[in-house]
Amino acid sequence: MKPRDTALRSKRFEASEKARKVASIETMIFDFEQMAADLARQIAAEEERTGVKDAAHFAYSTFAKAAALRRTNLLTSVVDLRLKLDAARQQHEDAVTELRKLEPIESRDSDRQLRKSDPNSAVIG
């Protein structure tokens, strides 16, 4: 195997790993947003059940307080993940760009190998 083949395989692997990382972060963001929405519904239901909607009120539900804190933490995590997603997308684009730079070199080399091995491919003009 030529060093270029190894480099090309390495870049393909790197690009696919970066794509998996982007997909993983997108999935986590979606899941966290779903959990935050579920918590918001649970908080609203708890406030409706107890009749106390003011979080500063002494009789405010402990469950609602805990759920609100968890929802806030999830939404903070979503913001952080969006920053990581932007960085991961940029890394993926960079890896794909590097891969595209190597692929034309590889195709030229394979064309040369084909021409060397096939004497009938000579151009007659």
N, C-alpha and C. Protein backbone atom coordinates (compact mmCIF):
# COMPACT_ATOMS: atom_id res chain seq x y z
N MET A 1 0.85 -1.17 0.00
CA MET A 1 0.00 0.00 0.00
C MET A 1 0.90 1.24 0.00
N LYS A 2 0.57 2.19 -0.85
CA LYS A 2 1.35 3.41 -0.96
C LYS A 2 1.07 4.34 0.21
N PRO A 3 2.01 5.21 0.50
CA PRO A 3 1.77 6.19 1.56
C PRO A 3 0.56 7.08 1.26
N ARG A 4 0.33 7.37 -0.02
CA ARG A 4 -0.84 8.19 -0.36
C ARG A 4 -2.14 7.46 -0.07
N ASP A 5 -2.14 6.14 -0.33
CA ASP A 5 -3.33 5.35 -0.01
C ASP A 5 -3.62 5.40 1.49
N THR A 6 -2.57 5.29 2.27
CA THR A 6 -2.73 5.35 3.72
C THR A 6 -3.24 6.72 4.15
N ALA A 7 -2.68 7.77 3.56
CA ALA A 7 -3.12 9.13 3.89
C ALA A 7 -4.57 9.34 3.50
N LEU A 8 -4.95 8.82 2.34
CA LEU A 8 -6.34 8.97 1.88
C LEU A 8 -7.29 8.21 2.80
N ARG A 9 -6.93 6.99 3.17
CA ARG A 9 -7.77 6.22 4.09
C ARG A 9 -7.87 6.92 5.44
N SER A 10 -6.77 7.48 5.88
CA SER A 10 -6.76 8.20 7.16
C SER A 10 -7.68 9.41 7.11
N LYS A 11 -7.63 10.16 6.02
CA LYS A 11 -8.48 11.35 5.89
C LYS A 11 -9.95 10.96 5.77
N ARG A 12 -10.22 9.86 5.07
CA ARG A 12 -11.62 9.39 4.98
C ARG A 12 -12.14 9.01 6.36
N PHE A 13 -11.31 8.31 7.12
CA PHE A 13 -11.69 7.92 8.47
C PHE A 13 -11.92 9.15 9.33
N GLU A 14 -11.02 10.11 9.23
CA GLU A 14 -11.14 11.34 10.02
C GLU A 14 -12.43 12.08 9.67
N ALA A 15 -12.74 12.18 8.38
CA ALA A 15 -13.97 12.87 7.95
C ALA A 15 -15.21 12.13 8.45
N SER A 16 -15.19 10.81 8.39
CA SER A 16 -16.37 10.06 8.86
C SER A 16 -16.52 10.17 10.38
N GLU A 17 -15.41 10.20 11.10
CA GLU A 17 -15.47 10.38 12.56
C GLU A 17 -16.02 11.75 12.92
N LYS A 18 -15.61 12.76 12.18
CA LYS A 18 -16.12 14.12 12.43
C LYS A 18 -17.61 14.19 12.13
N ALA A 19 -18.05 13.49 11.09
CA ALA A 19 -19.48 13.46 10.76
C ALA A 19 -20.27 12.76 11.86
N ARG A 20 -19.71 11.67 12.40
CA ARG A 20 -20.37 10.98 13.51
C ARG A 20 -20.47 11.86 14.74
N LYS A 21 -19.42 12.62 14.99
CA LYS A 21 -19.43 13.52 16.14
C LYS A 21 -20.51 14.59 15.98
N VAL A 22 -20.64 15.15 14.78
CA VAL A 22 -21.68 16.15 14.52
C VAL A 22 -23.06 15.53 14.74
N ALA A 23 -23.27 14.34 14.22
CA ALA A 23 -24.56 13.66 14.39
C ALA A 23 -24.85 13.37 15.85
N SER A 24 -23.83 12.98 16.59
CA SER A 24 -23.99 12.68 18.01
C SER A 24 -24.39 13.94 18.79
N ILE A 25 -23.74 15.04 18.51
CA ILE A 25 -24.07 16.29 19.20
C ILE A 25 -25.47 16.75 18.84
N GLU A 26 -25.85 16.62 17.56
CA GLU A 26 -27.20 17.00 17.15
C GLU A 26 -28.25 16.16 17.88
N THR A 27 -27.98 14.87 18.03
CA THR A 27 -28.90 13.98 18.74
C THR A 27 -29.01 14.39 20.21
N MET A 28 -27.88 14.71 20.83
CA MET A 28 -27.91 15.13 22.23
C MET A 28 -28.71 16.42 22.40
N ILE A 29 -28.53 17.36 21.49
CA ILE A 29 -29.28 18.62 21.57
C ILE A 29 -30.77 18.34 21.46
N PHE A 30 -31.16 17.50 20.51
CA PHE A 30 -32.57 17.17 20.33
C PHE A 30 -33.13 16.52 21.59
N ASP A 31 -32.38 15.56 22.14
CA ASP A 31 -32.84 14.86 23.35
C ASP A 31 -32.97 15.81 24.54
N PHE A 32 -31.99 16.68 24.72
CA PHE A 32 -32.05 17.63 25.83
C PHE A 32 -33.22 18.60 25.68
N GLU A 33 -33.48 19.04 24.46
CA GLU A 33 -34.61 19.94 24.23
C GLU A 33 -35.93 19.23 24.52
N GLN A 34 -36.01 17.96 24.13
CA GLN A 34 -37.22 17.18 24.43
C GLN A 34 -37.41 17.02 25.94
N MET A 35 -36.33 16.72 26.65
CA MET A 35 -36.42 16.58 28.10
C MET A 35 -36.82 17.89 28.76
N ALA A 36 -36.29 19.01 28.27
CA ALA A 36 -36.64 20.32 28.83
C ALA A 36 -38.11 20.63 28.58
N ALA A 37 -38.61 20.28 27.40
CA ALA A 37 -40.03 20.49 27.10
C ALA A 37 -40.91 19.62 28.00
N ASP A 38 -40.50 18.37 28.21
CA ASP A 38 -41.25 17.49 29.12
C ASP A 38 -41.27 18.05 30.54
N LEU A 39 -40.14 18.55 30.99
CA LEU A 39 -40.07 19.14 32.33
C LEU A 39 -40.96 20.38 32.42
N ALA A 40 -41.00 21.18 31.37
CA ALA A 40 -41.86 22.37 31.37
C ALA A 40 -43.32 21.96 31.51
N ARG A 41 -43.71 20.89 30.82
CA ARG A 41 -45.09 20.39 30.94
C ARG A 41 -45.35 19.87 32.35
N GLN A 42 -44.39 19.17 32.92
CA GLN A 42 -44.56 18.66 34.28
C GLN A 42 -44.65 19.80 35.30
N ILE A 43 -43.85 20.83 35.10
CA ILE A 43 -43.90 21.99 36.00
C ILE A 43 -45.26 22.66 35.91
N ALA A 44 -45.74 22.86 34.69
CA ALA A 44 -47.06 23.49 34.52
C ALA A 44 -48.15 22.64 35.16
N ALA A 45 -48.07 21.33 35.00
CA ALA A 45 -49.07 20.45 35.60
C ALA A 45 -49.00 20.51 37.13
N GLU A 46 -47.80 20.55 37.67
CA GLU A 46 -47.63 20.62 39.13
C GLU A 46 -48.15 21.96 39.67
N GLU A 47 -47.86 23.03 38.96
CA GLU A 47 -48.35 24.35 39.39
C GLU A 47 -49.87 24.39 39.34
N GLU A 48 -50.43 23.78 38.31
CA GLU A 48 -51.89 23.73 38.19
C GLU A 48 -52.49 22.88 39.31
N ARG A 49 -51.83 21.78 39.61
CA ARG A 49 -52.33 20.89 40.66
C ARG A 49 -52.30 21.56 42.04
N THR A 50 -51.20 22.27 42.33
CA THR A 50 -51.07 22.90 43.65
C THR A 50 -51.74 24.26 43.72
N GLY A 51 -51.92 24.89 42.58
CA GLY A 51 -52.53 26.22 42.56
C GLY A 51 -51.56 27.34 42.88
N VAL A 52 -50.29 27.03 43.05
CA VAL A 52 -49.27 28.04 43.35
C VAL A 52 -48.32 28.12 42.16
N LYS A 53 -48.30 29.29 41.51
CA LYS A 53 -47.46 29.45 40.32
C LYS A 53 -46.25 30.33 40.57
N ASP A 54 -46.17 30.97 41.71
CA ASP A 54 -45.05 31.84 42.06
C ASP A 54 -43.95 31.01 42.73
N ALA A 55 -42.79 30.95 42.08
CA ALA A 55 -41.69 30.13 42.61
C ALA A 55 -41.16 30.69 43.93
N ALA A 56 -41.39 31.96 44.21
CA ALA A 56 -40.91 32.56 45.46
C ALA A 56 -41.88 32.33 46.62
N HIS A 57 -43.06 31.83 46.32
CA HIS A 57 -44.08 31.59 47.35
C HIS A 57 -43.62 30.45 48.26
N PHE A 58 -43.92 30.56 49.57
CA PHE A 58 -43.47 29.55 50.53
C PHE A 58 -44.10 28.18 50.28
N ALA A 59 -45.26 28.14 49.64
CA ALA A 59 -45.94 26.86 49.42
C ALA A 59 -45.68 26.29 48.02
N TYR A 60 -44.74 26.89 47.30
CA TYR A 60 -44.44 26.39 45.95
C TYR A 60 -43.89 24.97 46.03
N SER A 61 -44.31 24.16 45.12
CA SER A 61 -43.96 22.74 45.11
C SER A 61 -42.45 22.51 45.01
N THR A 62 -41.95 21.63 45.86
CA THR A 62 -40.54 21.25 45.82
C THR A 62 -40.22 20.54 44.51
N PHE A 63 -41.14 19.72 44.05
CA PHE A 63 -40.96 19.03 42.77
C PHE A 63 -40.82 20.03 41.64
N ALA A 64 -41.68 21.06 41.63
CA ALA A 64 -41.63 22.06 40.57
C ALA A 64 -40.31 22.83 40.62
N LYS A 65 -39.83 23.15 41.83
CA LYS A 65 -38.54 23.84 41.96
C LYS A 65 -37.41 22.98 41.39
N ALA A 66 -37.40 21.72 41.76
CA ALA A 66 -36.35 20.81 41.29
C ALA A 66 -36.43 20.63 39.77
N ALA A 67 -37.64 20.49 39.26
CA ALA A 67 -37.82 20.31 37.81
C ALA A 67 -37.39 21.57 37.06
N ALA A 68 -37.70 22.75 37.62
CA ALA A 68 -37.31 24.00 36.98
C ALA A 68 -35.79 24.14 36.95
N LEU A 69 -35.14 23.74 38.03
CA LEU A 69 -33.68 23.79 38.08
C LEU A 69 -33.07 22.83 37.05
N ARG A 70 -33.64 21.65 36.97
CA ARG A 70 -33.14 20.67 35.99
C ARG A 70 -33.36 21.17 34.57
N ARG A 71 -34.53 21.76 34.31
CA ARG A 71 -34.81 22.31 32.98
C ARG A 71 -33.81 23.41 32.63
N THR A 72 -33.52 24.27 33.59
CA THR A 72 -32.54 25.34 33.37
C THR A 72 -31.17 24.75 33.05
N ASN A 73 -30.78 23.73 33.79
CA ASN A 73 -29.49 23.08 33.54
C ASN A 73 -29.45 22.44 32.15
N LEU A 74 -30.55 21.81 31.75
CA LEU A 74 -30.62 21.21 30.42
C LEU A 74 -30.50 22.26 29.33
N LEU A 75 -31.18 23.38 29.51
CA LEU A 75 -31.13 24.44 28.50
C LEU A 75 -29.74 25.08 28.44
N THR A 76 -29.07 25.17 29.58
CA THR A 76 -27.69 25.65 29.60
C THR A 76 -26.79 24.68 28.84
N SER A 77 -27.02 23.41 29.05
CA SER A 77 -26.25 22.39 28.33
C SER A 77 -26.50 22.46 26.83
N VAL A 78 -27.73 22.75 26.44
CA VAL A 78 -28.05 22.89 25.02
C VAL A 78 -27.26 24.04 24.41
N VAL A 79 -27.17 25.15 25.12
CA VAL A 79 -26.40 26.29 24.62
C VAL A 79 -24.93 25.90 24.44
N ASP A 80 -24.38 25.20 25.43
CA ASP A 80 -22.99 24.75 25.33
C ASP A 80 -22.81 23.76 24.17
N LEU A 81 -23.77 22.87 24.01
CA LEU A 81 -23.69 21.90 22.92
C LEU A 81 -23.79 22.56 21.56
N ARG A 82 -24.56 23.62 21.45
CA ARG A 82 -24.64 24.34 20.17
C ARG A 82 -23.29 24.95 19.80
N LEU A 83 -22.57 25.44 20.79
CA LEU A 83 -21.22 25.95 20.53
C LEU A 83 -20.30 24.82 20.07
N LYS A 84 -20.41 23.68 20.75
CA LYS A 84 -19.61 22.52 20.35
C LYS A 84 -20.00 22.03 18.97
N LEU A 85 -21.30 22.12 18.66
CA LEU A 85 -21.77 21.69 17.35
C LEU A 85 -21.18 22.57 16.25
N ASP A 86 -21.15 23.87 16.47
CA ASP A 86 -20.55 24.76 15.48
C ASP A 86 -19.08 24.41 15.25
N ALA A 87 -18.36 24.17 16.34
CA ALA A 87 -16.95 23.80 16.23
C ALA A 87 -16.79 22.45 15.52
N ALA A 88 -17.65 21.49 15.85
CA ALA A 88 -17.58 20.16 15.23
C ALA A 88 -17.90 20.24 13.74
N ARG A 89 -18.87 21.06 13.38
CA ARG A 89 -19.19 21.23 11.95
C ARG A 89 -18.01 21.83 11.20
N GLN A 90 -17.35 22.80 11.82
CA GLN A 90 -16.18 23.41 11.18
C GLN A 90 -15.07 22.39 11.02
N GLN A 91 -14.84 21.57 12.05
CA GLN A 91 -13.82 20.53 11.95
C GLN A 91 -14.17 19.52 10.87
N HIS A 92 -15.45 19.20 10.75
CA HIS A 92 -15.89 18.26 9.71
C HIS A 92 -15.65 18.86 8.33
N GLU A 93 -16.00 20.13 8.16
CA GLU A 93 -15.77 20.79 6.87
C GLU A 93 -14.28 20.81 6.53
N ASP A 94 -13.44 21.09 7.52
CA ASP A 94 -12.00 21.09 7.30
C ASP A 94 -11.51 19.71 6.88
N ALA A 95 -12.01 18.68 7.54
CA ALA A 95 -11.60 17.31 7.21
C ALA A 95 -12.05 16.93 5.80
N VAL A 96 -13.26 17.34 5.42
CA VAL A 96 -13.76 17.05 4.08
C VAL A 96 -12.93 17.80 3.03
N THR A 97 -12.56 19.04 3.34
CA THR A 97 -11.73 19.82 2.42
C THR A 97 -10.38 19.14 2.22
N GLU A 98 -9.77 18.68 3.30
CA GLU A 98 -8.50 17.97 3.20
C GLU A 98 -8.65 16.69 2.38
N LEU A 99 -9.75 16.00 2.58
CA LEU A 99 -10.01 14.77 1.83
C LEU A 99 -10.16 15.07 0.34
N ARG A 100 -10.87 16.13 0.02
CA ARG A 100 -11.05 16.50 -1.40
C ARG A 100 -9.74 16.87 -2.07
N LYS A 101 -8.81 17.42 -1.28
CA LYS A 101 -7.50 17.76 -1.84
C LYS A 101 -6.74 16.49 -2.20
N LEU A 102 -6.89 15.44 -1.41
CA LEU A 102 -6.15 14.20 -1.65
C LEU A 102 -6.79 13.33 -2.73
N GLU A 103 -8.10 13.38 -2.87
CA GLU A 103 -8.78 12.48 -3.82
C GLU A 103 -8.37 12.72 -5.27
N PRO A 104 -8.24 13.96 -5.76
CA PRO A 104 -7.79 14.12 -7.15
C PRO A 104 -6.39 13.56 -7.39
N ILE A 105 -5.52 13.69 -6.42
CA ILE A 105 -4.17 13.13 -6.55
C ILE A 105 -4.25 11.62 -6.68
N GLU A 106 -5.10 11.00 -5.88
CA GLU A 106 -5.27 9.55 -5.92
C GLU A 106 -5.85 9.11 -7.25
N SER A 107 -6.83 9.85 -7.78
CA SER A 107 -7.43 9.45 -9.05
C SER A 107 -6.43 9.60 -10.20
N ARG A 108 -5.58 10.62 -10.15
CA ARG A 108 -4.55 10.76 -11.19
C ARG A 108 -3.57 9.60 -11.13
N ASP A 109 -3.18 9.21 -9.93
CA ASP A 109 -2.25 8.09 -9.78
C ASP A 109 -2.87 6.80 -10.30
N SER A 110 -4.14 6.58 -10.01
CA SER A 110 -4.78 5.35 -10.48
C SER A 110 -4.93 5.38 -12.00
N ASP A 111 -5.17 6.56 -12.60
CA ASP A 111 -5.25 6.67 -14.06
C ASP A 111 -3.90 6.33 -14.69
N ARG A 112 -2.83 6.81 -14.09
CA ARG A 112 -1.49 6.50 -14.60
C ARG A 112 -1.21 5.00 -14.53
N GLN A 113 -1.61 4.37 -13.45
CA GLN A 113 -1.41 2.94 -13.30
C GLN A 113 -2.19 2.18 -14.37
N LEU A 114 -3.40 2.63 -14.65
CA LEU A 114 -4.21 1.99 -15.69
C LEU A 114 -3.55 2.12 -17.05
N ARG A 115 -3.05 3.32 -17.37
CA ARG A 115 -2.41 3.53 -18.67
C ARG A 115 -1.14 2.70 -18.81
N LYS A 116 -0.40 2.55 -17.74
CA LYS A 116 0.82 1.75 -17.80
C LYS A 116 0.51 0.27 -18.01
N SER A 117 -0.56 -0.20 -17.40
CA SER A 117 -0.88 -1.62 -17.48
C SER A 117 -1.67 -1.98 -18.73
N ASP A 118 -2.27 -1.01 -19.42
CA ASP A 118 -3.10 -1.30 -20.59
C ASP A 118 -2.46 -0.67 -21.83
N PRO A 119 -1.70 -1.45 -22.61
CA PRO A 119 -1.03 -0.89 -23.80
C PRO A 119 -2.02 -0.52 -24.91
N ASN A 120 -3.23 -1.04 -24.91
CA ASN A 120 -4.22 -0.74 -25.95
C ASN A 120 -4.88 0.62 -25.75
N SER A 121 -4.56 1.30 -24.67
CA SER A 121 -5.21 2.57 -24.41
C SER A 121 -4.45 3.74 -25.03
N ALA A 122 -3.49 3.47 -25.87
CA ALA A 122 -2.72 4.53 -26.51
C ALA A 122 -3.62 5.35 -27.42
N VAL A 123 -3.37 6.63 -27.44
CA VAL A 123 -4.17 7.53 -28.27
C VAL A 123 -3.57 7.56 -29.66
N ILE A 124 -4.43 7.33 -30.66
CA ILE A 124 -4.00 7.36 -32.06
C ILE A 124 -4.60 8.60 -32.69
N GLY A 125 -3.78 9.41 -33.28
CA GLY A 125 -4.33 10.66 -33.77
C GLY A 125 -3.94 11.01 -35.09
